[in-house]
Each structure stands twice: as structure tokens, then as C-alpha cells.
Protein backbone atom coordinates (compact mmCIF):
# COMPACT_ATOMS: atom_id res chain seq x y z
CA UNK A 1 134.50 121.83 143.57
CA UNK A 2 135.65 118.23 143.66
CA UNK A 3 137.10 116.46 140.61
CA UNK A 4 134.08 114.15 140.25
CA UNK A 5 131.71 117.13 139.95
CA UNK A 6 133.96 118.93 137.49
CA UNK A 7 134.26 115.87 135.24
CA UNK A 8 130.54 115.13 135.16
CA UNK A 9 129.64 118.78 134.62
CA UNK A 10 132.10 119.01 131.74
CA UNK A 11 130.49 116.18 129.79
CA UNK A 12 127.02 116.86 131.17
CA UNK A 13 126.81 120.10 129.22
CA UNK A 14 127.41 118.22 125.96
CA UNK A 15 124.84 115.52 126.79
CA UNK A 16 122.15 118.02 127.70
CA UNK A 17 122.83 120.09 124.58
CA UNK A 18 122.48 117.00 122.37
CA UNK A 19 119.33 115.99 124.21
CA UNK A 20 117.75 119.40 123.67
CA UNK A 21 118.59 119.26 119.97
CA UNK A 22 117.12 115.78 119.56
CA UNK A 23 114.06 116.18 121.77
CA UNK A 24 111.06 115.56 119.50
CA UNK A 25 108.38 115.05 122.09
CA UNK A 26 107.09 117.72 124.51
CA UNK A 27 107.59 115.43 127.52
CA UNK A 28 111.22 114.75 126.62
CA UNK A 29 111.83 118.42 125.98
CA UNK A 30 110.37 119.40 129.36
CA UNK A 31 112.45 116.81 131.20
CA UNK A 32 115.53 117.85 129.29
CA UNK A 33 114.95 121.42 130.47
CA UNK A 34 114.68 120.19 134.06
CA UNK A 35 118.04 118.48 133.68
CA UNK A 36 119.46 121.64 132.16
CA UNK A 37 118.27 123.79 135.05
CA UNK A 38 119.81 121.38 137.54
CA UNK A 39 123.04 121.48 135.61
CA UNK A 40 123.13 125.30 135.61
CA UNK A 41 122.49 125.44 139.36
CA UNK A 42 125.40 123.10 139.96
CA UNK A 43 127.58 124.97 137.50
CA UNK A 44 126.95 128.24 139.34
CA UNK A 45 127.76 126.47 142.60
CA UNK A 46 124.41 127.48 144.08
CA UNK A 47 124.71 124.50 146.38
CA UNK A 48 128.18 125.46 147.51
CA UNK A 49 127.14 125.49 151.15
CA UNK A 50 125.53 122.07 150.92
CA UNK A 51 127.57 119.05 151.89
CA UNK A 52 129.63 117.25 149.25
CA UNK A 53 127.60 114.01 149.49
CA UNK A 54 124.32 115.86 148.89
CA UNK A 55 125.75 117.61 145.82
CA UNK A 56 127.03 114.32 144.42
CA UNK A 57 123.62 112.66 144.92
CA UNK A 58 121.85 115.53 143.20
CA UNK A 59 124.36 115.43 140.37
CA UNK A 60 123.88 111.68 140.01
CA UNK A 61 120.11 112.12 139.66
CA UNK A 62 120.51 114.84 137.03
CA UNK A 63 123.03 112.71 135.10
CA UNK A 64 120.78 109.65 135.20
CA UNK A 65 117.80 111.67 133.96
CA UNK A 66 119.85 113.11 131.13
CA UNK A 67 121.12 109.71 129.95
CA UNK A 68 117.66 108.16 130.23
CA UNK A 69 116.00 110.86 128.17
CA UNK A 70 118.81 110.83 125.62
CA UNK A 71 118.38 107.07 125.18
CA UNK A 72 114.60 107.38 124.89
CA UNK A 73 114.93 110.08 122.26
CA UNK A 74 117.45 108.19 120.15
CA UNK A 75 115.46 104.94 120.22
CA UNK A 76 112.30 106.75 119.17
CA UNK A 77 113.71 107.58 115.74
CA UNK A 78 112.94 104.08 114.38
CA UNK A 79 109.28 104.27 115.34
CA UNK A 80 109.06 107.82 114.00
CA UNK A 81 110.37 106.66 110.62
CA UNK A 82 107.80 103.86 110.61
CA UNK A 83 105.02 106.30 111.43
CA UNK A 84 106.21 108.67 108.69
CA UNK A 85 106.17 105.84 106.12
CA UNK A 86 102.72 104.79 107.26
CA UNK A 87 101.37 108.33 106.88
CA UNK A 88 102.85 108.49 103.37
CA UNK A 89 101.18 105.21 102.38
CA UNK A 90 97.84 106.21 103.89
CA UNK A 91 97.88 109.51 102.01
CA UNK A 92 98.25 107.61 98.73
CA UNK A 93 95.24 105.40 99.52
CA UNK A 94 91.73 106.49 98.64
CA UNK A 95 90.23 104.54 101.57
CA UNK A 96 91.76 102.30 104.25
CA UNK A 97 89.95 99.04 105.07
CA UNK A 98 91.12 97.22 108.19
CA UNK A 99 90.09 93.72 107.03
CA UNK A 100 90.91 93.94 103.33
CA UNK A 101 93.57 91.48 102.10
CA UNK A 102 95.18 93.22 99.13
CA UNK A 103 98.05 90.82 98.40
CA UNK A 104 96.43 87.42 98.97
CA UNK A 105 98.45 86.30 101.99
CA UNK A 106 95.47 86.50 104.33
CA UNK A 107 97.04 89.29 106.41
CA UNK A 108 95.31 92.68 106.18
CA UNK A 109 97.18 95.90 106.92
CA UNK A 110 97.10 97.56 110.32
CA UNK A 111 97.61 101.16 111.35
CA UNK A 112 98.94 102.91 114.42
CA UNK A 113 96.24 104.89 116.27
CA UNK A 114 96.36 108.64 115.75
CA UNK A 115 98.82 108.60 112.84
CA UNK A 116 96.45 109.75 110.12
CA UNK A 117 92.66 110.27 109.87
CA UNK A 118 92.53 107.78 107.00
CA UNK A 119 93.92 105.08 109.26
CA UNK A 120 90.93 105.17 111.58
CA UNK A 121 88.40 102.35 111.29
CA UNK A 122 85.26 101.14 113.03
CA UNK A 123 85.22 97.59 114.37
CA UNK A 124 82.39 95.56 115.79
CA UNK A 125 82.02 92.26 117.61
CA UNK A 126 79.26 91.02 115.30
CA UNK A 127 79.65 89.79 111.75
CA UNK A 128 81.29 92.08 109.20
CA UNK A 129 82.53 91.88 105.62
CA UNK A 130 86.05 92.52 104.31
CA UNK A 131 85.36 96.26 104.39
CA UNK A 132 84.37 96.22 108.07
CA UNK A 133 80.69 96.77 107.34
CA UNK A 134 78.00 94.95 109.30
CA UNK A 135 76.57 91.96 107.47
CA UNK A 136 74.42 88.90 107.99
CA UNK A 137 75.20 87.60 104.51
CA UNK A 138 76.64 84.08 104.82
CA UNK A 139 78.95 84.38 101.81
CA UNK A 140 80.43 87.67 102.98
CA UNK A 141 80.96 86.26 106.48
CA UNK A 142 82.63 83.11 105.10
CA UNK A 143 84.88 85.30 102.98
CA UNK A 144 86.32 86.88 106.13
CA UNK A 145 86.68 83.56 107.96
CA UNK A 146 88.38 81.95 104.94
CA UNK A 147 90.82 84.86 104.84
CA UNK A 148 91.74 84.19 108.46
CA UNK A 149 92.32 80.52 107.58
CA UNK A 150 94.75 81.56 104.83
CA UNK A 151 96.59 83.74 107.32
CA UNK A 152 97.01 80.86 109.77
CA UNK A 153 98.10 78.41 107.07
CA UNK A 154 100.63 80.87 105.73
CA UNK A 155 102.13 81.30 109.19
CA UNK A 156 103.44 77.70 109.18
CA UNK A 157 106.46 78.46 107.02
CA UNK A 158 107.01 81.94 108.50
CA UNK A 159 107.48 80.68 112.06
CA UNK A 160 110.92 79.66 113.41
CA UNK A 161 112.09 76.43 111.79
CA UNK A 162 111.85 73.24 113.81
CA UNK A 163 115.11 72.10 115.41
CA UNK A 164 116.12 68.82 113.77
CA UNK A 165 119.14 66.60 114.38
CA UNK A 166 119.61 63.48 112.31
CA UNK A 167 121.78 60.45 113.03
CA UNK A 168 122.99 57.80 110.58
CA UNK A 169 120.43 55.05 109.84
CA UNK A 170 118.09 56.01 112.68
CA UNK A 171 114.54 54.68 112.29
CA UNK A 172 113.15 56.13 115.52
CA UNK A 173 112.74 59.80 116.26
CA UNK A 174 112.34 61.68 119.52
CA UNK A 175 109.90 64.59 119.29
CA UNK A 176 109.57 67.27 121.93
CA UNK A 177 108.70 70.90 122.49
CA UNK A 178 109.81 73.95 124.50
CA UNK A 179 111.91 73.54 127.62
CA UNK A 180 111.94 69.75 127.36
CA UNK A 181 114.61 70.02 124.67
CA UNK A 182 117.65 70.12 126.97
CA UNK A 183 116.69 66.95 128.84
CA UNK A 184 115.89 65.12 125.59
CA UNK A 185 119.25 66.07 124.08
CA UNK A 186 121.02 64.82 127.19
CA UNK A 187 119.04 61.59 126.95
CA UNK A 188 120.13 61.19 123.33
CA UNK A 189 123.76 61.22 124.44
CA UNK A 190 123.11 58.68 127.18
CA UNK A 191 121.23 56.37 124.82
CA UNK A 192 123.94 56.72 122.17
CA UNK A 193 126.45 55.29 124.67
CA UNK A 194 124.21 52.22 124.83
CA UNK A 195 124.25 51.93 121.04
CA UNK A 196 120.73 53.34 120.59
CA UNK A 197 120.72 55.76 117.67
CA UNK A 198 117.84 58.21 117.46
CA UNK A 199 116.87 61.30 115.51
CA UNK A 200 115.65 64.47 117.24
CA UNK A 201 112.95 67.03 116.52
CA UNK A 202 111.96 70.00 118.69
CA UNK A 203 108.79 71.72 117.56
CA UNK A 204 109.17 75.51 117.68
CA UNK A 205 105.85 76.75 116.34
CA UNK A 206 102.26 76.00 115.40
CA UNK A 207 100.82 75.44 112.81
CA UNK A 208 103.42 72.80 111.96
CA UNK A 209 105.70 73.30 108.98
CA UNK A 210 106.11 70.68 106.26
CA UNK A 211 109.48 69.76 107.79
CA UNK A 212 107.69 68.43 110.90
CA UNK A 213 105.40 66.19 108.88
CA UNK A 214 108.27 64.94 106.72
CA UNK A 215 110.27 64.04 109.83
CA UNK A 216 107.39 62.05 111.32
CA UNK A 217 106.63 60.15 108.12
CA UNK A 218 110.30 59.24 107.59
CA UNK A 219 110.51 57.23 110.84
CA UNK A 220 109.05 53.88 111.82
CA UNK A 221 108.27 55.25 115.27
CA UNK A 222 108.21 58.73 116.80
CA UNK A 223 108.32 58.99 120.58
CA UNK A 224 106.71 62.26 121.66
CA UNK A 225 108.15 63.52 124.94
CA UNK A 226 106.20 66.25 126.74
CA UNK A 227 105.06 67.47 130.13
CA UNK A 228 101.36 67.69 129.40
CA UNK A 229 99.05 65.24 131.15
CA UNK A 230 96.82 64.81 128.10
CA UNK A 231 99.64 64.49 125.58
CA UNK A 232 98.65 67.68 123.81
CA UNK A 233 101.59 67.74 121.38
CA UNK A 234 100.91 64.19 120.23
CA UNK A 235 97.23 64.99 119.73
CA UNK A 236 98.06 68.04 117.65
CA UNK A 237 100.47 66.02 115.51
CA UNK A 238 97.73 63.47 114.83
CA UNK A 239 95.22 66.18 113.95
CA UNK A 240 97.44 68.45 111.86
CA UNK A 241 99.72 66.02 109.98
CA UNK A 242 99.25 62.91 107.86
CA UNK A 243 101.26 60.68 110.22
CA UNK A 244 99.39 57.48 111.16
CA UNK A 245 98.60 56.86 114.81
CA UNK A 246 100.75 53.71 114.77
CA UNK A 247 103.86 55.85 114.24
CA UNK A 248 103.39 57.90 117.41
CA UNK A 249 104.04 56.97 121.02
CA UNK A 250 104.18 59.11 124.17
CA UNK A 251 106.45 59.61 127.14
CA UNK A 252 104.67 61.90 129.61
CA UNK A 253 106.14 63.49 132.72
CA UNK A 254 103.89 65.97 134.53
CA UNK A 255 104.89 65.77 138.18
CA UNK A 256 105.61 69.48 138.38
CA UNK A 257 109.42 69.29 138.26
CA UNK A 258 111.60 70.07 135.22
CA UNK A 259 112.05 67.16 132.84
CA UNK A 260 114.93 64.85 133.75
CA UNK A 261 117.07 63.08 131.15
CA UNK A 262 116.80 59.77 133.02
CA UNK A 263 113.01 59.92 132.77
CA UNK A 264 113.41 60.23 129.02
CA UNK A 265 115.92 57.37 128.86
CA UNK A 266 113.67 55.04 130.83
CA UNK A 267 110.66 56.02 128.75
CA UNK A 268 112.46 55.39 125.47
CA UNK A 269 113.73 52.01 126.65
CA UNK A 270 110.20 51.06 127.66
CA UNK A 271 108.70 52.08 124.30
CA UNK A 272 111.39 50.20 122.43
CA UNK A 273 111.10 47.14 124.65
CA UNK A 274 114.71 47.30 125.76
CA UNK A 275 116.17 46.01 129.00
CA UNK A 276 118.03 48.67 131.07
CA UNK A 277 121.83 48.42 130.82
CA UNK A 278 123.45 47.56 134.13
CA UNK A 279 126.11 50.00 135.34
CA UNK A 280 129.68 48.76 135.54
């Protein structure tokens, strides 16, 4: 038996043994047994008459299966702990209500299907109250809708914080979103070489946090740079913040190609009424 086979078989026995000990799902256990059978066949040199390359390929498959199942088993422990905690909490509850907000944050609890009979709930597409019961009562329906509004409003400060970069004495801010950020940052450097100092804000979530509104209100002008034909980001800023329309201007680029820093530079110059700087 070649050295490669001996080495893999030596450590393969340990891996399969650990896998069998950790297997907590019938499917993993069955596949672990398949790997074990393959290992035993190789160990007994049943394939001694088969060519070396065939034995190595078979061994590689068995080894890959063993590692895959071992990884799957180990990573399942976190979810199993979560399920165990959920079962414990459900057992302490008298009744589980899918739409009931118990702590006032607008976010009701959810359960994993099949974890505990108490976690099951009936849902419907028509109107329901906070207990999931059918209703045509306006007040009960509004109660559910208002709870959803609280959930959305509370998400503003839970989302990733907006990316903000401030320069000394800047009165104009550049506002952008998503993948436009890299081109806008490059444009900031190019404009800085011309003596144009600007602040920077990249929106990272919606609804907007208070930091976004504060940034907009603190500048005389905010140039919103985006790749949406209708200027969607600017429209949302007008709708969802207290910034006056006079403080917002747009630079739009929606030709289908990634945003270019020179497009941003030219757009900013145009909005500020500046003459392009001649090279050289």
C-alpha cells in the first residue's frame, strides 16, 4: 500500500470515529456509516487488485465525504442550541401569539417550524388582530398596522451607521449610496487638489438614521450622487427628513456603466458653478 493511502487511512479512522460520535441527525449518521464502510474496505485491502489511481480516487471521495459531514455536524451545534433555548422559552409560555409585541419595540417573536407544538400558529391573508384572530374591527386592525410602523421606525438606529467623512469648514456635502461610494471618494480627492473642500455621506440603510438628517441640515447644499434615473435617493431624503428642497441637488448617471469619478467631478463643478481647471 502506497504512503499516501497509509497516511490518509491513519487519520481517516480518527475523523470517522469523531464524526460517528458527533452525528446528531439520521442523515449524517447514515452518511458517516457509508464513509466508515469505505474506510474498512480500503483498510482490508479489498481493492488490492485494483489499480493505484482508482484506489486513490475512491479514497479521495471517502475523505471528502468524511470532512464534509464532520463540518456539517460541528456547525449544526449553534442552531441546535438556539432550538433548545426556544423550546425552553415556549414551554414556559401559556400561549404563543405570532403577532403579539410583548416588549414594545414593534417586533413580535418568531418560532422555528416543528420545534414545539406551542410554537405553531395560524396565519391568514385577511385582517387579523394582535393574537392572529380574524377581525374586521377597525381599531384592532389599526393596532396591528401601528405596531408594524413602530418596528420600521425602530429599525433606523439598528441598521448599519451611515458612512460620514467631514472636512474642515466644508459647507457642501456629497451624498451617495451603495456602489457609488468608491467613485465619489475618488472625486473628493480630485476636487481637494483644486481647493474644493467637501464633506461626504454614504447612506447604508433605510429608514434613515438621525445622523443622516443632521448631516443634511448642517450643510448649505447637499449634492446627491446616484445612478437612478428618477433620483430615488434624493426623493426619499425629501420625504423622510426635514431638509428643505433648496438644500438638495442631484448628479445622475444612469448610462449602464459603473460610476466614474470624473463624472462626479464634472457634476459637482456644474452644481457649484465652477469653471473646470485646465491641466498643466
